[in-house]
Amino acid sequence: MTIDSTLAAGVKVPGTKLAREATEFIRDTTSELIFHHSRRVYFFGSLQGRNRDLSFDPELLYVGALFHDTGLSERFRTSGRRFEVDSADEARDFLRRHEIPEDSVRRVWTAIALHTTPGIPEHMEPEVALVTAGVEYDVLGIGYGAVSDADRAEIVALHPRPDFKRQILRAFTDGIEAKPETTFGNVKADVLEHFVTDFVRGDFVRTILESPWKE
């Protein structure tokens, strides 16, 4: 597969040096599962952008999509930070090495950091909104009917998803199990509650009531 000139469902992967090097970096540092998922996020996010008539930078969306789950890698498991922040920082470092303008770096960082925080990205810049839209489509099936059967099939043929539901949940669990405190108040607490027997979910109400304040 010529990964730097791929076209699927009418969406083309940017042929720029930055995009090519991002592809090579992700292929070298993540699993096949994460690579194929991240590429699908780009394609589905782009189609959602087309459906919503949004003007976006394909190169920035591509980098955001590719890097959004890098923080699940083994080398980040003892970072003490949310995996979304580790992923965003990895993308930021990559973009700065390529001397990308700071406003573009900020957009990609924000897109990745917020991709598991529903209800906010859709109100921000298109690249931020569409990384989340691509993730929600591929993982949760949100807006499933907004992409045609033919387009969906073409993307999945290029980047297959065998046993994806089970495999991505395993990847989430492996990536965050060692730092359960980072799931407080976010959707990844659901993952640990399902798959880690001794996990205790943080309780927002109890945290307030047991704070050092008297009243």
C-alpha atoms as a PDB file:
ATOM      1  CA  MET A   1       0.000   0.000   0.000  1.00  0.00           C
ATOM      2  CA  THR A   2       1.324   3.417  -0.954  1.00  0.00           C
ATOM      3  CA  ILE A   3       0.326   5.047   2.278  1.00  0.00           C
ATOM      4  CA  ASP A   4       1.174   8.624   1.307  1.00  0.00           C
ATOM      5  CA  SER A   5      -1.181   8.729  -1.681  1.00  0.00           C
ATOM      6  CA  THR A   6      -4.163   6.743  -0.416  1.00  0.00           C
ATOM      7  CA  LEU A   7      -7.603   7.700  -1.619  1.00  0.00           C
ATOM      8  CA  ALA A   8     -10.759   6.204  -0.105  1.00  0.00           C
ATOM      9  CA  ALA A   9     -14.392   7.317  -0.228  1.00  0.00           C
ATOM     10  CA  GLY A  10     -13.302  10.432  -2.103  1.00  0.00           C
ATOM     11  CA  VAL A  11     -10.962  11.453   0.739  1.00  0.00           C
ATOM     12  CA  LYS A  12      -7.254  11.724   0.024  1.00  0.00           C
ATOM     13  CA  VAL A  13      -4.492  11.420   2.575  1.00  0.00           C
ATOM     14  CA  PRO A  14      -2.334  14.571   2.316  1.00  0.00           C
ATOM     15  CA  GLY A  15       0.754  13.928   0.246  1.00  0.00           C
ATOM     16  CA  THR A  16       2.932  16.371   2.172  1.00  0.00           C
ATOM     17  CA  LYS A  17       6.251  15.583   3.810  1.00  0.00           C
ATOM     18  CA  LEU A  18       4.689  16.212   7.221  1.00  0.00           C
ATOM     19  CA  ALA A  19       1.884  13.718   6.562  1.00  0.00           C
ATOM     20  CA  ARG A  20       4.277  11.093   5.202  1.00  0.00           C
ATOM     21  CA  GLU A  21       6.541  11.369   8.226  1.00  0.00           C
ATOM     22  CA  ALA A  22       3.565  11.280  10.581  1.00  0.00           C
ATOM     23  CA  THR A  23       2.413   8.057   8.921  1.00  0.00           C
ATOM     24  CA  GLU A  24       5.868   6.515   9.249  1.00  0.00           C
ATOM     25  CA  PHE A  25       6.138   7.583  12.893  1.00  0.00           C
ATOM     26  CA  ILE A  26       2.770   6.067  13.832  1.00  0.00           C
ATOM     27  CA  ARG A  27       3.483   2.849  11.940  1.00  0.00           C
ATOM     28  CA  ASP A  28       6.797   2.525  13.788  1.00  0.00           C
ATOM     29  CA  THR A  29       5.521   3.345  17.286  1.00  0.00           C
ATOM     30  CA  THR A  30       1.986   1.932  17.564  1.00  0.00           C
ATOM     31  CA  SER A  31       0.224  -1.355  16.968  1.00  0.00           C
ATOM     32  CA  GLU A  32      -1.585  -2.348  13.781  1.00  0.00           C
ATOM     33  CA  LEU A  33      -4.831  -1.912  15.704  1.00  0.00           C
ATOM     34  CA  ILE A  34      -4.092   1.719  16.572  1.00  0.00           C
ATOM     35  CA  PHE A  35      -2.645   2.508  13.149  1.00  0.00           C
ATOM     36  CA  HIS A  36      -5.708   1.263  11.253  1.00  0.00           C
ATOM     37  CA  HIS A  37      -8.101   2.854  13.765  1.00  0.00           C
ATOM     38  CA  SER A  38      -6.315   6.207  13.546  1.00  0.00           C
ATOM     39  CA  ARG A  39      -6.378   6.222   9.761  1.00  0.00           C
ATOM     40  CA  ARG A  40     -10.088   5.405   9.785  1.00  0.00           C
ATOM     41  CA  VAL A  41     -10.610   8.319  12.174  1.00  0.00           C
ATOM     42  CA  TYR A  42      -9.078  10.595   9.544  1.00  0.00           C
ATOM     43  CA  PHE A  43     -11.277   9.262   6.746  1.00  0.00           C
ATOM     44  CA  PHE A  44     -14.481   9.279   8.781  1.00  0.00           C
ATOM     45  CA  GLY A  45     -13.670  12.672  10.288  1.00  0.00           C
ATOM     46  CA  SER A  46     -13.103  14.078   6.805  1.00  0.00           C
ATOM     47  CA  LEU A  47     -16.423  12.704   5.585  1.00  0.00           C
ATOM     48  CA  GLN A  48     -18.166  14.208   8.598  1.00  0.00           C
ATOM     49  CA  GLY A  49     -16.519  17.508   7.759  1.00  0.00           C
ATOM     50  CA  ARG A  50     -17.850  17.263   4.227  1.00  0.00           C
ATOM     51  CA  ASN A  51     -21.333  16.432   5.531  1.00  0.00           C
ATOM     52  CA  ARG A  52     -21.239  19.420   7.892  1.00  0.00           C
ATOM     53  CA  ASP A  53     -19.846  21.734   5.202  1.00  0.00           C
ATOM     54  CA  LEU A  54     -16.816  22.549   7.368  1.00  0.00           C
ATOM     55  CA  SER A  55     -13.633  24.028   5.965  1.00  0.00           C
ATOM     56  CA  PHE A  56     -10.669  22.304   7.612  1.00  0.00           C
ATOM     57  CA  ASP A  57      -6.960  21.753   7.123  1.00  0.00           C
ATOM     58  CA  PRO A  58      -6.585  18.097   5.998  1.00  0.00           C
ATOM     59  CA  GLU A  59      -2.958  17.972   7.116  1.00  0.00           C
ATOM     60  CA  LEU A  60      -3.758  19.064  10.670  1.00  0.00           C
ATOM     61  CA  LEU A  61      -6.759  16.743  10.847  1.00  0.00           C
ATOM     62  CA  TYR A  62      -4.556  13.899   9.635  1.00  0.00           C
ATOM     63  CA  VAL A  63      -1.897  14.483  12.279  1.00  0.00           C
ATOM     64  CA  GLY A  64      -4.547  14.844  14.975  1.00  0.00           C
ATOM     65  CA  ALA A  65      -6.211  11.601  13.922  1.00  0.00           C
ATOM     66  CA  LEU A  66      -2.947   9.673  13.699  1.00  0.00           C
ATOM     67  CA  PHE A  67      -1.605  10.766  17.078  1.00  0.00           C
ATOM     68  CA  HIS A  68      -4.828  10.722  19.116  1.00  0.00           C
ATOM     69  CA  ASP A  69      -4.169   7.332  20.761  1.00  0.00           C
ATOM     70  CA  THR A  70      -0.375   7.333  20.975  1.00  0.00           C
ATOM     71  CA  GLY A  71      -0.636   7.893  24.729  1.00  0.00           C
ATOM     72  CA  LEU A  72      -1.931   4.339  25.112  1.00  0.00           C
ATOM     73  CA  SER A  73       1.535   2.997  24.269  1.00  0.00           C
ATOM     74  CA  GLU A  74       3.458   1.125  26.948  1.00  0.00           C
ATOM     75  CA  ARG A  75       6.028   3.885  27.402  1.00  0.00           C
ATOM     76  CA  PHE A  76       3.337   6.230  28.750  1.00  0.00           C
ATOM     77  CA  ARG A  77       1.737   3.851  31.231  1.00  0.00           C
ATOM     78  CA  THR A  78       3.518   5.276  34.241  1.00  0.00           C
ATOM     79  CA  SER A  79       3.333   8.934  33.190  1.00  0.00           C
ATOM     80  CA  GLY A  80       0.632   9.789  35.729  1.00  0.00           C
ATOM     81  CA  ARG A  81      -1.160  11.861  33.079  1.00  0.00           C
ATOM     82  CA  ARG A  82      -4.332  11.203  31.125  1.00  0.00           C
ATOM     83  CA  PHE A  83      -3.491   9.276  27.978  1.00  0.00           C
ATOM     84  CA  GLU A  84      -5.168  12.026  25.942  1.00  0.00           C
ATOM     85  CA  VAL A  85      -2.608  14.537  27.264  1.00  0.00           C
ATOM     86  CA  ASP A  86       0.289  12.180  26.556  1.00  0.00           C
ATOM     87  CA  SER A  87      -1.053  11.743  23.030  1.00  0.00           C
ATOM     88  CA  ALA A  88      -1.461  15.494  22.562  1.00  0.00           C
ATOM     89  CA  ASP A  89       2.046  16.180  23.861  1.00  0.00           C
ATOM     90  CA  GLU A  90       3.487  13.584  21.476  1.00  0.00           C
ATOM     91  CA  ALA A  91       1.790  15.295  18.543  1.00  0.00           C
ATOM     92  CA  ARG A  92       2.925  18.721  19.754  1.00  0.00           C
ATOM     93  CA  ASP A  93       6.548  17.552  19.944  1.00  0.00           C
ATOM     94  CA  PHE A  94       6.311  16.048  16.459  1.00  0.00           C
ATOM     95  CA  LEU A  95       4.847  19.222  14.976  1.00  0.00           C
ATOM     96  CA  ARG A  96       7.386  21.467  16.671  1.00  0.00           C
ATOM     97  CA  ARG A  97      10.226  19.355  15.300  1.00  0.00           C
ATOM     98  CA  HIS A  98       8.777  20.173  11.893  1.00  0.00           C
ATOM     99  CA  GLU A  99       8.557  23.892  12.751  1.00  0.00           C
ATOM    100  CA  ILE A 100       4.794  24.068  12.335  1.00  0.00           C
ATOM    101  CA  PRO A 101       3.248  27.400  13.464  1.00  0.00           C
ATOM    102  CA  GLU A 102       2.150  27.439  17.084  1.00  0.00           C
ATOM    103  CA  ASP A 103      -1.509  28.139  16.296  1.00  0.00           C
ATOM    104  CA  SER A 104      -1.621  24.946  14.241  1.00  0.00           C
ATOM    105  CA  VAL A 105       0.174  23.057  17.005  1.00  0.00           C
ATOM    106  CA  ARG A 106      -2.394  24.335  19.491  1.00  0.00           C
ATOM    107  CA  ARG A 107      -5.299  23.177  17.339  1.00  0.00           C
ATOM    108  CA  VAL A 108      -3.898  19.670  16.999  1.00  0.00           C
ATOM    109  CA  TRP A 109      -3.042  19.492  20.715  1.00  0.00           C
ATOM    110  CA  THR A 110      -6.568  20.578  21.638  1.00  0.00           C
ATOM    111  CA  ALA A 111      -8.187  18.179  19.168  1.00  0.00           C
ATOM    112  CA  ILE A 112      -6.383  15.241  20.724  1.00  0.00           C
ATOM    113  CA  ALA A 113      -6.696  16.317  24.358  1.00  0.00           C
ATOM    114  CA  LEU A 114     -10.478  16.742  24.044  1.00  0.00           C
ATOM    115  CA  HIS A 115     -11.322  13.755  21.852  1.00  0.00           C
ATOM    116  CA  THR A 116     -12.920  11.847  24.752  1.00  0.00           C
ATOM    117  CA  THR A 117     -14.756  14.890  26.141  1.00  0.00           C
ATOM    118  CA  PRO A 118     -18.134  14.945  24.369  1.00  0.00           C
ATOM    119  CA  GLY A 119     -20.140  18.103  23.940  1.00  0.00           C
ATOM    120  CA  ILE A 120     -17.211  20.528  23.687  1.00  0.00           C
ATOM    121  CA  PRO A 121     -15.110  19.818  20.542  1.00  0.00           C
ATOM    122  CA  GLU A 122     -18.075  20.289  18.202  1.00  0.00           C
ATOM    123  CA  HIS A 123     -18.137  23.980  19.185  1.00  0.00           C
ATOM    124  CA  MET A 124     -14.451  24.566  18.465  1.00  0.00           C
ATOM    125  CA  GLU A 125     -12.276  24.779  15.353  1.00  0.00           C
ATOM    126  CA  PRO A 126     -13.132  22.280  12.600  1.00  0.00           C
ATOM    127  CA  GLU A 127      -9.986  20.200  13.144  1.00  0.00           C
ATOM    128  CA  VAL A 128     -10.857  19.868  16.844  1.00  0.00           C
ATOM    129  CA  ALA A 129     -14.460  18.957  16.078  1.00  0.00           C
ATOM    130  CA  LEU A 130     -13.580  16.440  13.385  1.00  0.00           C
ATOM    131  CA  VAL A 131     -10.986  14.421  15.278  1.00  0.00           C
ATOM    132  CA  THR A 132     -13.696  13.782  17.862  1.00  0.00           C
ATOM    133  CA  ALA A 133     -16.293  13.123  15.144  1.00  0.00           C
ATOM    134  CA  GLY A 134     -14.006  10.551  13.543  1.00  0.00           C
ATOM    135  CA  VAL A 135     -13.321   8.844  16.866  1.00  0.00           C
ATOM    136  CA  GLU A 136     -17.009   8.808  17.804  1.00  0.00           C
ATOM    137  CA  TYR A 137     -17.876   7.314  14.427  1.00  0.00           C
ATOM    138  CA  ASP A 138     -15.265   4.564  14.477  1.00  0.00           C
ATOM    139  CA  VAL A 139     -15.511   3.594  18.153  1.00  0.00           C
ATOM    140  CA  LEU A 140     -19.100   4.404  19.117  1.00  0.00           C
ATOM    141  CA  GLY A 141     -20.921   4.396  15.790  1.00  0.00           C
ATOM    142  CA  ILE A 142     -22.289   7.906  16.383  1.00  0.00           C
ATOM    143  CA  GLY A 143     -23.701   9.221  13.103  1.00  0.00           C
ATOM    144  CA  TYR A 144     -23.286   5.796  11.491  1.00  0.00           C
ATOM    145  CA  GLY A 145     -25.896   6.438   8.821  1.00  0.00           C
ATOM    146  CA  ALA A 146     -24.320   9.739   7.801  1.00  0.00           C
ATOM    147  CA  VAL A 147     -21.686   7.835   5.795  1.00  0.00           C
ATOM    148  CA  SER A 148     -22.899   5.749   2.877  1.00  0.00           C
ATOM    149  CA  ASP A 149     -22.545   1.979   2.932  1.00  0.00           C
ATOM    150  CA  ALA A 150     -20.249   2.175  -0.084  1.00  0.00           C
ATOM    151  CA  ASP A 151     -17.941   4.767   1.466  1.00  0.00           C
ATOM    152  CA  ARG A 152     -17.838   2.917   4.771  1.00  0.00           C
ATOM    153  CA  ALA A 153     -16.999  -0.347   3.039  1.00  0.00           C
ATOM    154  CA  GLU A 154     -14.215   1.276   1.011  1.00  0.00           C
ATOM    155  CA  ILE A 155     -12.573   2.703   4.123  1.00  0.00           C
ATOM    156  CA  VAL A 156     -12.860  -0.543   6.083  1.00  0.00           C
ATOM    157  CA  ALA A 157     -11.460  -2.501   3.133  1.00  0.00           C
ATOM    158  CA  LEU A 158      -8.396  -0.255   3.225  1.00  0.00           C
ATOM    159  CA  HIS A 159      -8.128  -0.331   7.023  1.00  0.00           C
ATOM    160  CA  PRO A 160      -9.869  -3.453   8.345  1.00  0.00           C
ATOM    161  CA  ARG A 161     -11.347  -3.716  11.817  1.00  0.00           C
ATOM    162  CA  PRO A 162     -11.391  -7.442  12.745  1.00  0.00           C
ATOM    163  CA  ASP A 163     -12.684  -7.985  16.293  1.00  0.00           C
ATOM    164  CA  PHE A 164     -12.276  -4.239  16.721  1.00  0.00           C
ATOM    165  CA  LYS A 165     -14.714  -3.697  19.592  1.00  0.00           C
ATOM    166  CA  ARG A 166     -12.970  -6.217  21.834  1.00  0.00           C
ATOM    167  CA  GLN A 167      -9.477  -5.261  20.712  1.00  0.00           C
ATOM    168  CA  ILE A 168      -9.872  -1.513  21.241  1.00  0.00           C
ATOM    169  CA  LEU A 169     -11.333  -2.054  24.709  1.00  0.00           C
ATOM    170  CA  ARG A 170      -8.302  -4.203  25.518  1.00  0.00           C
ATOM    171  CA  ALA A 171      -6.005  -1.449  24.256  1.00  0.00           C
ATOM    172  CA  PHE A 172      -7.818   1.132  26.398  1.00  0.00           C
ATOM    173  CA  THR A 173      -7.563  -1.102  29.457  1.00  0.00           C
ATOM    174  CA  ASP A 174      -3.875  -1.852  28.953  1.00  0.00           C
ATOM    175  CA  GLY A 175      -3.124   1.822  28.383  1.00  0.00           C
ATOM    176  CA  ILE A 176      -4.770   3.186  31.529  1.00  0.00           C
ATOM    177  CA  GLU A 177      -4.902   0.352  34.049  1.00  0.00           C
ATOM    178  CA  ALA A 178      -1.648   1.461  35.705  1.00  0.00           C
ATOM    179  CA  LYS A 179      -2.931   5.019  36.245  1.00  0.00           C
ATOM    180  CA  PRO A 180      -6.596   4.625  37.251  1.00  0.00           C
ATOM    181  CA  GLU A 181      -6.666   8.039  38.934  1.00  0.00           C
ATOM    182  CA  THR A 182      -6.541   9.640  35.471  1.00  0.00           C
ATOM    183  CA  THR A 183     -10.014   8.294  34.663  1.00  0.00           C
ATOM    184  CA  PHE A 184     -11.770  10.389  37.303  1.00  0.00           C
ATOM    185  CA  GLY A 185     -14.611  12.266  35.647  1.00  0.00           C
ATOM    186  CA  ASN A 186     -14.125  10.845  32.165  1.00  0.00           C
ATOM    187  CA  VAL A 187     -15.393   7.987  30.013  1.00  0.00           C
ATOM    188  CA  LYS A 188     -12.385   5.740  30.545  1.00  0.00           C
ATOM    189  CA  ALA A 189     -13.590   5.001  34.078  1.00  0.00           C
ATOM    190  CA  ASP A 190     -16.258   2.849  32.394  1.00  0.00           C
ATOM    191  CA  VAL A 191     -13.538   0.765  30.764  1.00  0.00           C
ATOM    192  CA  LEU A 192     -11.736   0.012  34.019  1.00  0.00           C
ATOM    193  CA  GLU A 193     -15.011  -0.668  35.825  1.00  0.00           C
ATOM    194  CA  HIS A 194     -15.814  -3.360  33.257  1.00  0.00           C
ATOM    195  CA  PHE A 195     -12.400  -4.996  32.945  1.00  0.00           C
ATOM    196  CA  VAL A 196     -10.379  -4.400  36.150  1.00  0.00           C
ATOM    197  CA  THR A 197     -11.827  -6.241  39.146  1.00  0.00           C
ATOM    198  CA  ASP A 198     -10.302  -4.085  41.904  1.00  0.00           C
ATOM    199  CA  PHE A 199     -10.950  -0.729  40.260  1.00  0.00           C
ATOM    200  CA  VAL A 200     -12.796   1.792  42.437  1.00  0.00           C
ATOM    201  CA  ARG A 201     -14.452   4.578  40.491  1.00  0.00           C
ATOM    202  CA  GLY A 202     -13.849   8.106  41.771  1.00  0.00           C
ATOM    203  CA  ASP A 203     -16.992   9.687  43.176  1.00  0.00           C
ATOM    204  CA  PHE A 204     -17.417  13.398  42.483  1.00  0.00           C
ATOM    205  CA  VAL A 205     -20.058  13.899  45.171  1.00  0.00           C
ATOM    206  CA  ARG A 206     -18.012  12.078  47.816  1.00  0.00           C
ATOM    207  CA  THR A 207     -14.950  14.099  46.826  1.00  0.00           C
ATOM    208  CA  ILE A 208     -16.882  17.299  47.548  1.00  0.00           C
ATOM    209  CA  LEU A 209     -18.371  16.076  50.815  1.00  0.00           C
ATOM    210  CA  GLU A 210     -15.031  14.760  52.084  1.00  0.00           C
ATOM    211  CA  SER A 211     -12.986  17.792  51.111  1.00  0.00           C
ATOM    212  CA  PRO A 212     -11.141  19.667  53.923  1.00  0.00           C
ATOM    213  CA  TRP A 213     -13.674  22.505  53.814  1.00  0.00           C
ATOM    214  CA  LYS A 214     -15.958  22.608  56.866  1.00  0.00           C
ATOM    215  CA  GLU A 215     -18.943  23.809  54.860  1.00  0.00           C
END
